[in-house]
Amino acid sequence: MFIIIDHNAIKGTRFNAPNDLHRIDSDIVKKQMKQAGFKLVEEDFYFKNQKDTSGINVFTKDIRGKTDRFVYKFVKI
């Protein structure tokens, strides 16, 4: 079992967001985990925050600790 909790980036930002904003497009996570032989079995929204635009650095004072995050649970196939 593998659990990932990370900060959402705007869809389609590719690999710029992890380097610049410390965020990631959740579709990239799903794709890379599938390529590594894992299957997504659960997705939760405990840390969902619709007020977060997902376009600013997660360490910015106004958003720190309040970012829009995803929670994925994977199992090895």
N, C-alpha and C. Protein backbone atom coordinates (compact mmCIF):
# COMPACT_ATOMS: atom_id res chain seq x y z
N MET A 1 0.84 -1.17 0.00
CA MET A 1 0.00 0.00 0.00
C MET A 1 0.89 1.24 0.00
N PHE A 2 0.44 2.26 -0.70
CA PHE A 2 1.21 3.49 -0.84
C PHE A 2 0.23 4.66 -0.77
N ILE A 3 0.42 5.56 0.17
CA ILE A 3 -0.45 6.72 0.34
C ILE A 3 0.31 7.98 -0.09
N ILE A 4 -0.35 8.81 -0.89
CA ILE A 4 0.25 10.08 -1.31
C ILE A 4 -0.68 11.21 -0.92
N ILE A 5 -0.14 12.18 -0.23
CA ILE A 5 -0.85 13.43 0.09
C ILE A 5 0.04 14.55 -0.46
N ASP A 6 -0.53 15.34 -1.35
CA ASP A 6 0.28 16.42 -1.93
C ASP A 6 -0.60 17.60 -2.29
N HIS A 7 0.05 18.71 -2.59
CA HIS A 7 -0.64 19.96 -2.91
C HIS A 7 -1.03 19.96 -4.39
N ASN A 8 -2.30 20.26 -4.67
CA ASN A 8 -2.77 20.32 -6.04
C ASN A 8 -2.17 21.49 -6.80
N ALA A 9 -1.81 21.22 -8.04
CA ALA A 9 -1.41 22.27 -8.97
C ALA A 9 -2.50 22.37 -10.02
N ILE A 10 -2.49 23.44 -10.75
CA ILE A 10 -3.44 23.62 -11.84
C ILE A 10 -3.20 22.53 -12.88
N LYS A 11 -4.30 21.92 -13.36
CA LYS A 11 -4.19 20.85 -14.36
C LYS A 11 -3.42 21.35 -15.58
N GLY A 12 -2.54 20.49 -16.07
CA GLY A 12 -1.77 20.82 -17.26
C GLY A 12 -0.49 21.58 -17.01
N THR A 13 -0.12 21.81 -15.75
CA THR A 13 1.10 22.57 -15.45
C THR A 13 2.36 21.75 -15.66
N ARG A 14 2.17 20.45 -15.90
CA ARG A 14 3.29 19.55 -16.17
C ARG A 14 4.28 19.57 -15.01
N PHE A 15 5.58 19.63 -15.32
CA PHE A 15 6.59 19.52 -14.27
C PHE A 15 7.14 20.87 -13.80
N ASN A 16 6.53 21.97 -14.22
CA ASN A 16 6.96 23.28 -13.74
C ASN A 16 6.47 23.53 -12.32
N ALA A 17 5.26 23.13 -12.02
CA ALA A 17 4.68 23.40 -10.70
C ALA A 17 5.47 22.78 -9.55
N PRO A 18 5.93 21.51 -9.66
CA PRO A 18 6.71 20.98 -8.54
C PRO A 18 7.98 21.80 -8.25
N ASN A 19 8.61 22.26 -9.29
CA ASN A 19 9.85 23.02 -9.11
C ASN A 19 9.59 24.45 -8.62
N ASP A 20 8.55 25.08 -9.15
CA ASP A 20 8.31 26.49 -8.85
C ASP A 20 7.38 26.72 -7.66
N LEU A 21 6.37 25.88 -7.51
CA LEU A 21 5.33 26.12 -6.51
C LEU A 21 5.25 25.07 -5.41
N HIS A 22 6.03 24.00 -5.54
CA HIS A 22 5.96 22.86 -4.61
C HIS A 22 4.58 22.21 -4.63
N ARG A 23 4.01 22.13 -5.83
CA ARG A 23 2.71 21.51 -6.08
C ARG A 23 2.87 20.54 -7.24
N ILE A 24 1.84 19.69 -7.46
CA ILE A 24 1.89 18.80 -8.61
C ILE A 24 0.48 18.57 -9.15
N ASP A 25 0.39 18.48 -10.46
CA ASP A 25 -0.85 18.11 -11.12
C ASP A 25 -1.16 16.67 -10.72
N SER A 26 -2.29 16.43 -10.11
CA SER A 26 -2.61 15.09 -9.60
C SER A 26 -2.68 14.04 -10.71
N ASP A 27 -2.94 14.46 -11.93
CA ASP A 27 -2.94 13.51 -13.06
C ASP A 27 -1.55 12.92 -13.30
N ILE A 28 -0.52 13.71 -13.05
CA ILE A 28 0.86 13.22 -13.19
C ILE A 28 1.13 12.13 -12.16
N VAL A 29 0.67 12.34 -10.94
CA VAL A 29 0.86 11.34 -9.88
C VAL A 29 0.18 10.03 -10.28
N LYS A 30 -1.05 10.12 -10.73
CA LYS A 30 -1.78 8.91 -11.14
C LYS A 30 -1.05 8.18 -12.27
N LYS A 31 -0.60 8.93 -13.25
CA LYS A 31 0.08 8.33 -14.41
C LYS A 31 1.39 7.66 -13.99
N GLN A 32 2.19 8.35 -13.20
CA GLN A 32 3.48 7.79 -12.80
C GLN A 32 3.32 6.58 -11.89
N MET A 33 2.34 6.61 -11.01
CA MET A 33 2.11 5.46 -10.14
C MET A 33 1.63 4.26 -10.96
N LYS A 34 0.80 4.48 -11.94
CA LYS A 34 0.35 3.39 -12.81
C LYS A 34 1.54 2.79 -13.56
N GLN A 35 2.42 3.66 -14.06
CA GLN A 35 3.61 3.19 -14.77
C GLN A 35 4.52 2.38 -13.85
N ALA A 36 4.50 2.69 -12.57
CA ALA A 36 5.33 1.97 -11.59
C ALA A 36 4.67 0.68 -11.09
N GLY A 37 3.48 0.37 -11.62
CA GLY A 37 2.81 -0.87 -11.25
C GLY A 37 1.85 -0.78 -10.09
N PHE A 38 1.34 0.41 -9.83
CA PHE A 38 0.37 0.60 -8.75
C PHE A 38 -1.00 0.92 -9.31
N LYS A 39 -2.03 0.57 -8.53
CA LYS A 39 -3.41 0.84 -8.91
C LYS A 39 -4.02 1.78 -7.88
N LEU A 40 -4.69 2.82 -8.34
CA LEU A 40 -5.40 3.73 -7.44
C LEU A 40 -6.65 3.03 -6.93
N VAL A 41 -6.77 2.89 -5.60
CA VAL A 41 -7.91 2.19 -5.02
C VAL A 41 -8.81 3.10 -4.18
N GLU A 42 -8.30 4.26 -3.81
CA GLU A 42 -9.11 5.17 -3.00
C GLU A 42 -8.62 6.59 -3.18
N GLU A 43 -9.57 7.51 -3.18
CA GLU A 43 -9.26 8.93 -3.31
C GLU A 43 -10.13 9.67 -2.31
N ASP A 44 -9.52 10.50 -1.47
CA ASP A 44 -10.27 11.25 -0.47
C ASP A 44 -9.99 12.73 -0.59
N PHE A 45 -10.90 13.50 -0.04
CA PHE A 45 -10.82 14.95 -0.18
C PHE A 45 -10.82 15.65 1.18
N TYR A 46 -10.17 15.02 2.15
CA TYR A 46 -10.09 15.59 3.50
C TYR A 46 -9.46 16.98 3.51
N PHE A 47 -8.51 17.19 2.62
CA PHE A 47 -7.76 18.44 2.61
C PHE A 47 -8.14 19.34 1.44
N LYS A 48 -9.33 19.17 0.91
CA LYS A 48 -9.80 19.98 -0.21
C LYS A 48 -10.04 21.40 0.27
N ASN A 49 -9.59 22.37 -0.51
CA ASN A 49 -9.82 23.79 -0.20
C ASN A 49 -10.08 24.53 -1.49
N GLN A 50 -11.33 24.79 -1.78
CA GLN A 50 -11.70 25.45 -3.02
C GLN A 50 -11.29 26.92 -3.07
N LYS A 51 -10.91 27.48 -1.95
CA LYS A 51 -10.44 28.88 -1.92
C LYS A 51 -9.01 29.00 -2.43
N ASP A 52 -8.28 27.89 -2.45
CA ASP A 52 -6.91 27.88 -2.95
C ASP A 52 -6.94 27.85 -4.48
N THR A 53 -6.30 28.80 -5.11
CA THR A 53 -6.28 28.86 -6.59
C THR A 53 -5.32 27.85 -7.20
N SER A 54 -4.50 27.22 -6.38
CA SER A 54 -3.50 26.23 -6.81
C SER A 54 -2.43 26.81 -7.73
N GLY A 55 -2.31 28.11 -7.75
CA GLY A 55 -1.34 28.76 -8.62
C GLY A 55 -0.25 29.53 -7.90
N ILE A 56 -0.21 29.43 -6.56
CA ILE A 56 0.84 30.13 -5.82
C ILE A 56 1.64 29.13 -4.99
N ASN A 57 2.83 29.54 -4.63
CA ASN A 57 3.73 28.70 -3.85
C ASN A 57 3.09 28.32 -2.52
N VAL A 58 3.22 27.06 -2.13
CA VAL A 58 2.58 26.56 -0.91
C VAL A 58 3.14 27.20 0.36
N PHE A 59 4.29 27.85 0.25
CA PHE A 59 4.91 28.49 1.41
C PHE A 59 4.54 29.96 1.55
N THR A 60 3.70 30.46 0.63
CA THR A 60 3.23 31.84 0.71
C THR A 60 2.43 32.01 2.00
N LYS A 61 2.69 33.07 2.72
CA LYS A 61 2.12 33.27 4.06
C LYS A 61 0.60 33.07 4.10
N ASP A 62 -0.14 33.62 3.17
CA ASP A 62 -1.60 33.58 3.22
C ASP A 62 -2.19 32.19 2.96
N ILE A 63 -1.43 31.30 2.31
CA ILE A 63 -1.97 29.98 1.96
C ILE A 63 -1.31 28.84 2.73
N ARG A 64 -0.16 29.10 3.31
CA ARG A 64 0.57 28.04 4.01
C ARG A 64 -0.32 27.35 5.05
N GLY A 65 -0.39 26.01 4.95
CA GLY A 65 -1.22 25.23 5.86
C GLY A 65 -2.68 25.15 5.45
N LYS A 66 -3.04 25.84 4.34
CA LYS A 66 -4.44 25.87 3.91
C LYS A 66 -4.56 25.54 2.42
N THR A 67 -3.59 24.84 1.87
CA THR A 67 -3.61 24.54 0.44
C THR A 67 -4.64 23.46 0.11
N ASP A 68 -4.99 23.40 -1.16
CA ASP A 68 -5.87 22.36 -1.68
C ASP A 68 -4.99 21.13 -1.93
N ARG A 69 -5.25 20.05 -1.19
CA ARG A 69 -4.42 18.84 -1.30
C ARG A 69 -5.27 17.63 -1.66
N PHE A 70 -4.63 16.66 -2.31
CA PHE A 70 -5.29 15.40 -2.63
C PHE A 70 -4.69 14.29 -1.80
N VAL A 71 -5.48 13.23 -1.60
CA VAL A 71 -5.05 12.04 -0.86
C VAL A 71 -5.37 10.82 -1.73
N TYR A 72 -4.34 10.10 -2.12
CA TYR A 72 -4.51 8.91 -2.95
C TYR A 72 -3.97 7.69 -2.22
N LYS A 73 -4.68 6.58 -2.37
CA LYS A 73 -4.22 5.30 -1.83
C LYS A 73 -4.03 4.35 -3.00
N PHE A 74 -2.83 3.84 -3.12
CA PHE A 74 -2.46 2.91 -4.20
C PHE A 74 -2.08 1.56 -3.62
N VAL A 75 -2.26 0.52 -4.42
CA VAL A 75 -1.76 -0.80 -4.06
C VAL A 75 -0.95 -1.31 -5.23
N LYS A 76 0.04 -2.14 -4.92
CA LYS A 76 0.88 -2.74 -5.96
C LYS A 76 0.09 -3.81 -6.68
N ILE A 77 0.13 -3.77 -8.00
CA ILE A 77 -0.59 -4.76 -8.81
C ILE A 77 0.23 -6.03 -8.90
